[in-house]
Amino acid sequence: AIVNAASFAPNFPVAPGSWASAFGDFASVGVSTETFNGVAPIPAMLGGVEILIDGAAVPLNYVGPGQINFIVPFSTPVSGLGSPSTFVVRVSGIPTYEGAINIIQASPGFFTVDGEAAAALNQDNSLNSPSNPAAPGSIVQFFATGHGPLSSTPETGAAASADPLVLTTGDLEAYVQATQATVEFSGLAPN
């Protein structure tokens, strides 16, 4: 199964530029746990594992016996009706899993801290939680993936620009319960 790496929503396509996760029995083909070291650009091979979408290797930040996390390239075309992209997992150069992946323009998913609470920071950059709620009228930062079109497209796997900022260009609305909130910024996290 391939899902949005933030929401893990089943049976829902992913978007260009988004983090995605592939779940499967990768242990049976010799995959052990490897994690990206955090220095951009993100590598297209990790622990001997590669993922190819439409024949192009994609950046990986985690590979393990049951899960692989990767970035869907910004250049991946949106799937037309009945025309998904191809998806291949290679281990030590050998194709081990092959299939199809549907791509849509935007497929937002919020990252979480514990599988339930949103990965959100209060205006003072402290972690938002029931014991540390945001003050009314303050700014809260949420972290998500699957954002859709951008003001400029960075190289897939490279750090996002801080100057100029990379902004989302699609329509966006945010609500706190039923009250519409003001969106101050929507874009890629700089650097």
N, C-alpha and C. Protein backbone atom coordinates (compact mmCIF):
# COMPACT_ATOMS: atom_id res chain seq x y z
N ALA A 1 0.85 -1.18 0.00
CA ALA A 1 0.00 0.00 0.00
C ALA A 1 0.88 1.24 0.00
N ILE A 2 0.47 2.24 -0.75
CA ILE A 2 1.17 3.53 -0.81
C ILE A 2 0.20 4.59 -0.33
N VAL A 3 0.62 5.38 0.67
CA VAL A 3 -0.27 6.36 1.28
C VAL A 3 0.46 7.67 1.54
N ASN A 4 -0.31 8.73 1.81
CA ASN A 4 0.24 10.00 2.26
C ASN A 4 0.97 9.72 3.57
N ALA A 5 2.24 10.14 3.68
CA ALA A 5 3.07 9.82 4.85
C ALA A 5 2.63 10.54 6.11
N ALA A 6 1.77 11.54 6.00
CA ALA A 6 1.29 12.24 7.18
C ALA A 6 -0.03 11.65 7.66
N SER A 7 -0.98 11.49 6.76
CA SER A 7 -2.32 11.04 7.17
C SER A 7 -2.48 9.53 7.18
N PHE A 8 -1.65 8.82 6.39
CA PHE A 8 -1.79 7.37 6.21
C PHE A 8 -3.19 7.00 5.72
N ALA A 9 -3.89 7.95 5.07
CA ALA A 9 -5.25 7.68 4.58
C ALA A 9 -5.22 6.56 3.55
N PRO A 10 -5.98 5.49 3.78
CA PRO A 10 -5.98 4.37 2.84
C PRO A 10 -6.76 4.70 1.57
N ASN A 11 -6.36 4.07 0.48
CA ASN A 11 -7.07 4.20 -0.80
C ASN A 11 -7.23 5.63 -1.27
N PHE A 12 -6.23 6.47 -1.02
CA PHE A 12 -6.29 7.86 -1.44
C PHE A 12 -4.99 8.20 -2.15
N PRO A 13 -5.06 8.80 -3.33
CA PRO A 13 -3.83 9.10 -4.08
C PRO A 13 -2.93 10.08 -3.35
N VAL A 14 -1.69 10.18 -3.82
CA VAL A 14 -0.72 11.14 -3.29
C VAL A 14 -0.51 12.24 -4.33
N ALA A 15 0.19 13.30 -3.94
CA ALA A 15 0.39 14.47 -4.81
C ALA A 15 1.86 14.67 -5.13
N PRO A 16 2.16 15.31 -6.27
CA PRO A 16 3.55 15.65 -6.57
C PRO A 16 4.15 16.51 -5.45
N GLY A 17 5.39 16.19 -5.07
CA GLY A 17 6.08 16.93 -4.02
C GLY A 17 5.74 16.48 -2.61
N SER A 18 4.85 15.51 -2.47
CA SER A 18 4.44 15.10 -1.13
C SER A 18 5.29 13.95 -0.60
N TRP A 19 5.32 13.84 0.72
CA TRP A 19 5.91 12.67 1.36
C TRP A 19 4.90 11.55 1.27
N ALA A 20 5.36 10.37 0.94
CA ALA A 20 4.50 9.19 0.86
C ALA A 20 5.19 8.03 1.56
N SER A 21 4.40 7.03 1.94
CA SER A 21 4.93 5.83 2.58
C SER A 21 4.43 4.61 1.84
N ALA A 22 5.34 3.67 1.63
CA ALA A 22 4.99 2.38 1.06
C ALA A 22 5.07 1.36 2.19
N PHE A 23 4.02 0.58 2.34
CA PHE A 23 3.99 -0.46 3.36
C PHE A 23 3.98 -1.82 2.67
N GLY A 24 4.77 -2.74 3.18
CA GLY A 24 4.82 -4.08 2.61
C GLY A 24 5.81 -4.94 3.37
N ASP A 25 5.96 -6.16 2.92
CA ASP A 25 6.91 -7.09 3.52
C ASP A 25 8.26 -6.92 2.84
N PHE A 26 8.99 -5.88 3.24
CA PHE A 26 10.29 -5.62 2.64
C PHE A 26 11.40 -6.43 3.31
N ALA A 27 11.12 -6.96 4.48
CA ALA A 27 12.11 -7.82 5.17
C ALA A 27 12.40 -9.06 4.34
N SER A 28 11.39 -9.58 3.65
CA SER A 28 11.57 -10.82 2.89
C SER A 28 12.50 -10.63 1.69
N VAL A 29 12.77 -9.38 1.32
CA VAL A 29 13.70 -9.11 0.21
C VAL A 29 14.99 -8.49 0.74
N GLY A 30 15.22 -8.60 2.06
CA GLY A 30 16.49 -8.19 2.63
C GLY A 30 16.62 -6.75 3.06
N VAL A 31 15.51 -6.01 3.20
CA VAL A 31 15.59 -4.61 3.61
C VAL A 31 15.73 -4.54 5.13
N SER A 32 16.76 -3.82 5.57
CA SER A 32 16.93 -3.55 7.00
C SER A 32 16.74 -2.06 7.23
N THR A 33 16.71 -1.64 8.45
CA THR A 33 16.40 -0.25 8.78
C THR A 33 17.58 0.68 8.49
N GLU A 34 17.30 1.72 7.70
CA GLU A 34 18.26 2.79 7.40
C GLU A 34 17.50 4.11 7.42
N THR A 35 18.13 5.14 7.96
CA THR A 35 17.51 6.46 8.05
C THR A 35 18.42 7.51 7.42
N PHE A 36 17.82 8.43 6.67
CA PHE A 36 18.53 9.56 6.06
C PHE A 36 19.20 10.38 7.17
N ASN A 37 20.40 10.86 6.92
CA ASN A 37 21.19 11.58 7.93
C ASN A 37 20.78 13.03 8.15
N GLY A 38 19.85 13.54 7.37
CA GLY A 38 19.35 14.89 7.58
C GLY A 38 20.04 16.00 6.82
N VAL A 39 21.07 15.70 6.03
CA VAL A 39 21.78 16.72 5.27
C VAL A 39 21.29 16.67 3.81
N ALA A 40 20.58 17.73 3.38
CA ALA A 40 20.04 17.77 2.01
C ALA A 40 21.17 17.84 1.00
N PRO A 41 21.00 17.32 -0.19
CA PRO A 41 19.77 16.74 -0.72
C PRO A 41 19.52 15.33 -0.20
N ILE A 42 18.26 14.95 -0.20
CA ILE A 42 17.85 13.63 0.27
C ILE A 42 18.25 12.61 -0.80
N PRO A 43 18.88 11.49 -0.41
CA PRO A 43 19.39 10.54 -1.40
C PRO A 43 18.29 9.71 -2.08
N ALA A 44 18.59 9.26 -3.29
CA ALA A 44 17.66 8.40 -4.03
C ALA A 44 17.93 6.92 -3.76
N MET A 45 18.94 6.61 -2.97
CA MET A 45 19.19 5.23 -2.56
C MET A 45 19.56 5.25 -1.09
N LEU A 46 18.98 4.32 -0.35
CA LEU A 46 19.22 4.24 1.08
C LEU A 46 19.24 2.77 1.46
N GLY A 47 20.34 2.30 2.01
CA GLY A 47 20.44 0.91 2.41
C GLY A 47 20.27 -0.07 1.25
N GLY A 48 20.69 0.35 0.05
CA GLY A 48 20.55 -0.50 -1.12
C GLY A 48 19.16 -0.51 -1.73
N VAL A 49 18.25 0.33 -1.21
CA VAL A 49 16.87 0.38 -1.67
C VAL A 49 16.66 1.61 -2.55
N GLU A 50 15.92 1.42 -3.63
CA GLU A 50 15.49 2.52 -4.50
C GLU A 50 14.00 2.36 -4.77
N ILE A 51 13.33 3.48 -4.94
CA ILE A 51 11.96 3.49 -5.44
C ILE A 51 11.98 4.30 -6.72
N LEU A 52 11.33 3.76 -7.74
CA LEU A 52 11.23 4.46 -9.01
C LEU A 52 9.76 4.74 -9.31
N ILE A 53 9.46 5.98 -9.65
CA ILE A 53 8.14 6.35 -10.12
C ILE A 53 8.30 6.78 -11.57
N ASP A 54 7.59 6.10 -12.45
CA ASP A 54 7.72 6.33 -13.90
C ASP A 54 9.18 6.25 -14.34
N GLY A 55 9.93 5.33 -13.72
CA GLY A 55 11.31 5.08 -14.12
C GLY A 55 12.35 5.97 -13.46
N ALA A 56 11.93 6.98 -12.70
CA ALA A 56 12.87 7.90 -12.06
C ALA A 56 13.01 7.58 -10.58
N ALA A 57 14.27 7.47 -10.10
CA ALA A 57 14.52 7.22 -8.68
C ALA A 57 14.10 8.44 -7.87
N VAL A 58 13.49 8.18 -6.70
CA VAL A 58 12.95 9.26 -5.88
C VAL A 58 13.71 9.34 -4.55
N PRO A 59 13.71 10.50 -3.89
CA PRO A 59 14.39 10.65 -2.60
C PRO A 59 13.74 9.80 -1.50
N LEU A 60 14.59 9.15 -0.69
CA LEU A 60 14.13 8.31 0.42
C LEU A 60 14.68 8.86 1.73
N ASN A 61 13.85 8.89 2.78
CA ASN A 61 14.41 9.30 4.07
C ASN A 61 14.35 8.19 5.11
N TYR A 62 13.66 7.09 4.78
CA TYR A 62 13.62 5.96 5.70
C TYR A 62 13.28 4.69 4.92
N VAL A 63 14.02 3.62 5.19
CA VAL A 63 13.66 2.30 4.68
C VAL A 63 13.70 1.33 5.86
N GLY A 64 12.76 0.43 5.88
CA GLY A 64 12.71 -0.56 6.95
C GLY A 64 12.00 -1.81 6.49
N PRO A 65 11.97 -2.82 7.32
CA PRO A 65 11.39 -4.11 6.95
C PRO A 65 9.91 -4.06 6.58
N GLY A 66 9.18 -3.02 7.05
CA GLY A 66 7.75 -2.94 6.74
C GLY A 66 7.31 -1.62 6.14
N GLN A 67 8.22 -0.65 6.02
CA GLN A 67 7.83 0.69 5.57
C GLN A 67 9.00 1.37 4.88
N ILE A 68 8.68 2.13 3.81
CA ILE A 68 9.65 2.98 3.12
C ILE A 68 9.01 4.34 2.96
N ASN A 69 9.71 5.42 3.37
CA ASN A 69 9.21 6.79 3.21
C ASN A 69 9.97 7.47 2.09
N PHE A 70 9.23 8.16 1.21
CA PHE A 70 9.84 8.78 0.04
C PHE A 70 9.09 10.04 -0.37
N ILE A 71 9.71 10.81 -1.28
CA ILE A 71 9.08 12.00 -1.84
C ILE A 71 8.62 11.69 -3.26
N VAL A 72 7.37 12.00 -3.56
CA VAL A 72 6.87 11.91 -4.93
C VAL A 72 7.46 13.11 -5.68
N PRO A 73 8.20 12.89 -6.77
CA PRO A 73 8.82 14.03 -7.47
C PRO A 73 7.80 15.08 -7.90
N PHE A 74 8.20 16.33 -7.83
CA PHE A 74 7.34 17.43 -8.29
C PHE A 74 6.97 17.26 -9.76
N SER A 75 7.84 16.60 -10.53
CA SER A 75 7.61 16.44 -11.96
C SER A 75 6.66 15.30 -12.30
N THR A 76 6.21 14.53 -11.32
CA THR A 76 5.31 13.42 -11.59
C THR A 76 3.98 13.95 -12.09
N PRO A 77 3.53 13.51 -13.26
CA PRO A 77 2.25 14.03 -13.78
C PRO A 77 1.05 13.51 -12.99
N VAL A 78 0.02 14.34 -12.93
CA VAL A 78 -1.24 13.93 -12.33
C VAL A 78 -1.81 12.81 -13.18
N SER A 79 -2.32 11.77 -12.53
CA SER A 79 -2.85 10.61 -13.24
C SER A 79 -4.13 10.97 -13.97
N GLY A 80 -4.17 10.61 -15.25
CA GLY A 80 -5.41 10.74 -15.99
C GLY A 80 -6.31 9.56 -15.66
N LEU A 81 -7.52 9.60 -16.09
CA LEU A 81 -8.46 8.52 -15.84
C LEU A 81 -7.88 7.22 -16.37
N GLY A 82 -7.61 6.29 -15.47
CA GLY A 82 -7.10 4.99 -15.87
C GLY A 82 -5.64 4.97 -16.27
N SER A 83 -4.88 6.04 -15.97
CA SER A 83 -3.46 6.06 -16.36
C SER A 83 -2.57 6.43 -15.17
N PRO A 84 -2.47 5.53 -14.17
CA PRO A 84 -1.61 5.81 -13.03
C PRO A 84 -0.14 5.74 -13.40
N SER A 85 0.71 6.25 -12.53
CA SER A 85 2.16 6.16 -12.71
C SER A 85 2.62 4.77 -12.30
N THR A 86 3.78 4.36 -12.84
CA THR A 86 4.35 3.08 -12.44
C THR A 86 5.16 3.27 -11.17
N PHE A 87 5.25 2.20 -10.37
CA PHE A 87 5.93 2.24 -9.09
C PHE A 87 6.74 0.96 -8.96
N VAL A 88 8.05 1.10 -8.70
CA VAL A 88 8.93 -0.07 -8.56
C VAL A 88 9.80 0.11 -7.32
N VAL A 89 9.91 -0.95 -6.52
CA VAL A 89 10.86 -0.98 -5.42
C VAL A 89 12.00 -1.88 -5.87
N ARG A 90 13.24 -1.34 -5.83
CA ARG A 90 14.42 -2.15 -6.17
C ARG A 90 15.29 -2.29 -4.93
N VAL A 91 15.76 -3.51 -4.73
CA VAL A 91 16.68 -3.79 -3.63
C VAL A 91 17.94 -4.36 -4.25
N SER A 92 19.07 -3.69 -4.01
CA SER A 92 20.36 -4.07 -4.61
C SER A 92 20.25 -4.20 -6.13
N GLY A 93 19.48 -3.28 -6.74
CA GLY A 93 19.34 -3.24 -8.18
C GLY A 93 18.32 -4.19 -8.76
N ILE A 94 17.70 -5.02 -7.93
CA ILE A 94 16.73 -6.01 -8.42
C ILE A 94 15.32 -5.55 -8.11
N PRO A 95 14.44 -5.45 -9.13
CA PRO A 95 13.04 -5.09 -8.87
C PRO A 95 12.39 -6.15 -7.99
N THR A 96 11.81 -5.72 -6.86
CA THR A 96 11.18 -6.67 -5.94
C THR A 96 9.67 -6.50 -5.87
N TYR A 97 9.20 -5.28 -6.02
CA TYR A 97 7.76 -5.01 -6.04
C TYR A 97 7.49 -4.03 -7.16
N GLU A 98 6.41 -4.25 -7.89
CA GLU A 98 6.00 -3.35 -8.97
C GLU A 98 4.51 -3.14 -8.89
N GLY A 99 4.07 -1.96 -9.29
CA GLY A 99 2.64 -1.69 -9.28
C GLY A 99 2.36 -0.32 -9.86
N ALA A 100 1.20 0.21 -9.50
CA ALA A 100 0.75 1.50 -10.01
C ALA A 100 0.47 2.42 -8.82
N ILE A 101 0.60 3.70 -9.07
CA ILE A 101 0.34 4.72 -8.05
C ILE A 101 -0.44 5.85 -8.70
N ASN A 102 -1.55 6.22 -8.07
CA ASN A 102 -2.36 7.32 -8.58
C ASN A 102 -1.87 8.63 -7.98
N ILE A 103 -1.79 9.64 -8.83
CA ILE A 103 -1.28 10.96 -8.42
C ILE A 103 -2.38 11.99 -8.69
N ILE A 104 -2.71 12.81 -7.67
CA ILE A 104 -3.66 13.90 -7.86
C ILE A 104 -2.97 15.22 -7.52
N GLN A 105 -3.59 16.32 -7.93
CA GLN A 105 -2.94 17.63 -7.80
C GLN A 105 -2.62 17.98 -6.35
N ALA A 106 -3.53 17.73 -5.43
CA ALA A 106 -3.30 18.02 -4.02
C ALA A 106 -3.93 16.90 -3.19
N SER A 107 -3.23 16.49 -2.15
CA SER A 107 -3.70 15.42 -1.26
C SER A 107 -3.18 15.71 0.14
N PRO A 108 -3.73 16.76 0.78
CA PRO A 108 -3.16 17.20 2.05
C PRO A 108 -3.34 16.20 3.18
N GLY A 109 -2.32 16.12 4.01
CA GLY A 109 -2.35 15.31 5.21
C GLY A 109 -1.50 15.98 6.26
N PHE A 110 -2.00 16.04 7.49
CA PHE A 110 -1.26 16.68 8.59
C PHE A 110 -0.41 15.66 9.31
N PHE A 111 0.85 16.02 9.56
CA PHE A 111 1.71 15.18 10.38
C PHE A 111 1.21 15.23 11.82
N THR A 112 1.46 14.15 12.55
CA THR A 112 1.04 14.08 13.94
C THR A 112 2.23 13.82 14.85
N VAL A 113 2.03 14.05 16.12
CA VAL A 113 3.06 13.81 17.11
C VAL A 113 2.95 12.38 17.62
N ASP A 114 1.73 11.92 17.82
CA ASP A 114 1.49 10.62 18.44
C ASP A 114 0.50 9.76 17.66
N GLY A 115 0.28 10.08 16.40
CA GLY A 115 -0.70 9.37 15.61
C GLY A 115 -2.09 9.98 15.71
N GLU A 116 -2.27 10.94 16.61
CA GLU A 116 -3.57 11.60 16.76
C GLU A 116 -3.46 13.11 16.79
N ALA A 117 -2.64 13.65 17.68
CA ALA A 117 -2.52 15.11 17.83
C ALA A 117 -1.66 15.67 16.69
N ALA A 118 -2.13 16.76 16.09
CA ALA A 118 -1.41 17.39 14.99
C ALA A 118 -0.03 17.88 15.45
N ALA A 119 0.95 17.75 14.58
CA ALA A 119 2.27 18.33 14.83
C ALA A 119 2.12 19.83 14.63
N ALA A 120 1.89 20.54 15.71
CA ALA A 120 1.60 21.97 15.64
C ALA A 120 2.40 22.70 16.71
N LEU A 121 2.85 23.89 16.33
CA LEU A 121 3.60 24.73 17.27
C LEU A 121 2.79 25.97 17.57
N ASN A 122 2.79 26.37 18.85
CA ASN A 122 2.15 27.62 19.25
C ASN A 122 3.01 28.79 18.78
N GLN A 123 2.50 30.00 18.96
CA GLN A 123 3.21 31.19 18.49
C GLN A 123 4.59 31.32 19.11
N ASP A 124 4.79 30.81 20.32
CA ASP A 124 6.11 30.87 20.97
C ASP A 124 6.99 29.67 20.58
N ASN A 125 6.58 28.91 19.57
CA ASN A 125 7.28 27.71 19.06
C ASN A 125 7.27 26.53 20.03
N SER A 126 6.45 26.57 21.06
CA SER A 126 6.29 25.41 21.93
C SER A 126 5.28 24.45 21.28
N LEU A 127 5.40 23.17 21.60
CA LEU A 127 4.51 22.16 21.03
C LEU A 127 3.10 22.37 21.56
N ASN A 128 2.15 22.49 20.64
CA ASN A 128 0.75 22.62 21.00
C ASN A 128 0.25 21.28 21.52
N SER A 129 -0.50 21.31 22.63
CA SER A 129 -1.05 20.08 23.21
C SER A 129 -2.21 20.47 24.12
N PRO A 130 -2.98 19.48 24.58
CA PRO A 130 -4.06 19.82 25.52
C PRO A 130 -3.56 20.54 26.77
N SER A 131 -2.35 20.20 27.21
CA SER A 131 -1.81 20.88 28.39
C SER A 131 -1.08 22.18 28.04
N ASN A 132 -0.89 22.45 26.75
CA ASN A 132 -0.23 23.67 26.29
C ASN A 132 -0.96 24.21 25.06
N PRO A 133 -2.23 24.64 25.26
CA PRO A 133 -3.03 25.09 24.11
C PRO A 133 -2.59 26.46 23.60
N ALA A 134 -2.96 26.76 22.37
CA ALA A 134 -2.70 28.08 21.80
C ALA A 134 -3.61 29.11 22.46
N ALA A 135 -3.08 30.31 22.64
CA ALA A 135 -3.89 31.40 23.18
C ALA A 135 -4.84 31.90 22.09
N PRO A 136 -6.07 32.29 22.45
CA PRO A 136 -6.98 32.85 21.45
C PRO A 136 -6.33 34.04 20.73
N GLY A 137 -6.47 34.07 19.42
CA GLY A 137 -5.91 35.16 18.62
C GLY A 137 -4.45 34.98 18.25
N SER A 138 -3.82 33.90 18.71
CA SER A 138 -2.40 33.69 18.40
C SER A 138 -2.24 32.86 17.12
N ILE A 139 -1.02 32.79 16.64
CA ILE A 139 -0.70 32.04 15.42
C ILE A 139 -0.25 30.63 15.81
N VAL A 140 -0.74 29.65 15.07
CA VAL A 140 -0.36 28.26 15.26
C VAL A 140 0.20 27.74 13.93
N GLN A 141 1.32 27.03 14.01
CA GLN A 141 1.94 26.43 12.81
C GLN A 141 1.56 24.95 12.76
N PHE A 142 1.07 24.52 11.58
CA PHE A 142 0.77 23.11 11.35
C PHE A 142 1.72 22.61 10.28
N PHE A 143 2.09 21.34 10.36
CA PHE A 143 3.00 20.75 9.39
C PHE A 143 2.26 19.66 8.63
N ALA A 144 2.31 19.77 7.31
CA ALA A 144 1.54 18.87 6.45
C ALA A 144 2.33 18.56 5.19
N THR A 145 1.79 17.69 4.38
CA THR A 145 2.34 17.37 3.07
C THR A 145 1.19 17.18 2.10
N GLY A 146 1.49 17.17 0.80
CA GLY A 146 0.44 17.01 -0.20
C GLY A 146 -0.25 18.31 -0.55
N HIS A 147 0.48 19.40 -0.44
CA HIS A 147 0.00 20.77 -0.53
C HIS A 147 -0.54 21.21 -1.87
N GLY A 148 -0.13 20.61 -2.97
CA GLY A 148 -0.57 21.06 -4.29
C GLY A 148 0.40 22.04 -4.91
N PRO A 149 -0.07 22.80 -5.91
CA PRO A 149 0.81 23.70 -6.68
C PRO A 149 1.52 24.74 -5.82
N LEU A 150 2.73 25.13 -6.27
CA LEU A 150 3.58 26.06 -5.54
C LEU A 150 3.96 27.26 -6.41
N SER A 151 4.40 28.34 -5.75
CA SER A 151 4.83 29.55 -6.46
C SER A 151 6.10 29.30 -7.26
N SER A 152 6.94 28.39 -6.80
CA SER A 152 8.12 27.94 -7.55
C SER A 152 8.37 26.50 -7.11
N THR A 153 8.99 25.74 -7.97
CA THR A 153 9.18 24.32 -7.68
C THR A 153 10.65 24.05 -7.39
N PRO A 154 10.95 23.70 -6.14
CA PRO A 154 12.34 23.35 -5.84
C PRO A 154 12.71 22.00 -6.44
N GLU A 155 13.98 21.71 -6.49
CA GLU A 155 14.42 20.40 -6.94
C GLU A 155 13.96 19.38 -5.91
N THR A 156 13.37 18.28 -6.37
CA THR A 156 12.88 17.26 -5.46
C THR A 156 14.03 16.74 -4.60
N GLY A 157 13.83 16.77 -3.29
CA GLY A 157 14.84 16.30 -2.35
C GLY A 157 15.75 17.38 -1.82
N ALA A 158 15.71 18.57 -2.44
CA ALA A 158 16.54 19.68 -1.98
C ALA A 158 15.80 20.45 -0.88
N ALA A 159 16.54 21.19 -0.08
CA ALA A 159 15.92 22.03 0.95
C ALA A 159 15.13 23.16 0.28
N ALA A 160 13.99 23.50 0.87
CA ALA A 160 13.17 24.59 0.34
C ALA A 160 13.84 25.93 0.61
N SER A 161 13.66 26.86 -0.30
CA SER A 161 14.25 28.18 -0.18
C SER A 161 13.64 28.97 0.98
N ALA A 162 14.48 29.76 1.64
CA ALA A 162 14.00 30.68 2.68
C ALA A 162 13.83 32.08 2.11
N ASP A 163 14.47 32.36 0.98
CA ASP A 163 14.40 33.68 0.36
C ASP A 163 14.60 33.55 -1.14
N PRO A 164 13.54 33.56 -1.92
CA PRO A 164 12.16 33.79 -1.51
C PRO A 164 11.52 32.51 -0.96
N LEU A 165 10.49 32.70 -0.14
CA LEU A 165 9.73 31.57 0.38
C LEU A 165 8.97 30.90 -0.76
N VAL A 166 8.76 29.60 -0.65
CA VAL A 166 7.98 28.85 -1.63
C VAL A 166 6.57 28.73 -1.07
N LEU A 167 5.61 29.34 -1.76
CA LEU A 167 4.23 29.43 -1.28
C LEU A 167 3.32 28.47 -2.04
N THR A 168 2.26 28.01 -1.38
CA THR A 168 1.23 27.27 -2.09
C THR A 168 0.40 28.27 -2.88
N THR A 169 -0.15 27.84 -4.03
CA THR A 169 -0.92 28.75 -4.87
C THR A 169 -2.39 28.36 -4.97
N GLY A 170 -2.76 27.20 -4.46
CA GLY A 170 -4.16 26.77 -4.52
C GLY A 170 -5.00 27.49 -3.48
N ASP A 171 -6.31 27.35 -3.61
CA ASP A 171 -7.22 27.92 -2.63
C ASP A 171 -7.08 27.16 -1.31
N LEU A 172 -7.04 27.88 -0.22
CA LEU A 172 -6.85 27.26 1.08
C LEU A 172 -7.73 27.96 2.10
N GLU A 173 -8.44 27.16 2.88
CA GLU A 173 -9.22 27.68 3.98
C GLU A 173 -8.87 26.87 5.22
N ALA A 174 -8.89 27.52 6.37
CA ALA A 174 -8.61 26.84 7.64
C ALA A 174 -9.73 27.19 8.62
N TYR A 175 -10.10 26.21 9.43
CA TYR A 175 -11.16 26.40 10.40
C TYR A 175 -10.73 25.88 11.76
N VAL A 176 -11.12 26.59 12.81
CA VAL A 176 -10.98 26.12 14.17
C VAL A 176 -12.40 25.84 14.61
N GLN A 177 -12.70 24.56 14.74
CA GLN A 177 -14.08 24.10 14.90
C GLN A 177 -14.86 24.65 13.71
N ALA A 178 -15.87 25.47 13.89
CA ALA A 178 -16.65 25.97 12.76
C ALA A 178 -16.30 27.40 12.39
N THR A 179 -15.29 27.99 13.05
CA THR A 179 -14.92 29.38 12.81
C THR A 179 -13.75 29.45 11.84
N GLN A 180 -13.93 30.23 10.75
CA GLN A 180 -12.85 30.35 9.77
C GLN A 180 -11.69 31.13 10.37
N ALA A 181 -10.49 30.61 10.18
CA ALA A 181 -9.27 31.26 10.67
C ALA A 181 -8.58 31.98 9.52
N THR A 182 -7.73 32.92 9.85
CA THR A 182 -6.93 33.63 8.85
C THR A 182 -5.66 32.83 8.59
N VAL A 183 -5.38 32.56 7.33
CA VAL A 183 -4.15 31.86 6.96
C VAL A 183 -3.09 32.91 6.70
N GLU A 184 -2.07 32.96 7.55
CA GLU A 184 -0.99 33.94 7.42
C GLU A 184 0.09 33.48 6.44
N PHE A 185 0.31 32.17 6.35
CA PHE A 185 1.34 31.61 5.49
C PHE A 185 0.96 30.18 5.16
N SER A 186 1.16 29.80 3.91
CA SER A 186 1.01 28.41 3.49
C SER A 186 2.08 28.16 2.45
N GLY A 187 3.03 27.32 2.80
CA GLY A 187 4.12 27.05 1.89
C GLY A 187 5.07 26.02 2.47
N LEU A 188 6.18 25.82 1.78
CA LEU A 188 7.17 24.85 2.24
C LEU A 188 7.95 25.43 3.42
N ALA A 189 8.25 24.58 4.39
CA ALA A 189 9.06 25.01 5.52
C ALA A 189 10.47 25.34 5.01
N PRO A 190 10.93 26.57 5.24
CA PRO A 190 12.24 26.97 4.72
C PRO A 190 13.37 26.08 5.23
N ASN A 191 14.32 25.82 4.32
CA ASN A 191 15.52 25.05 4.64
C ASN A 191 15.23 23.63 5.04
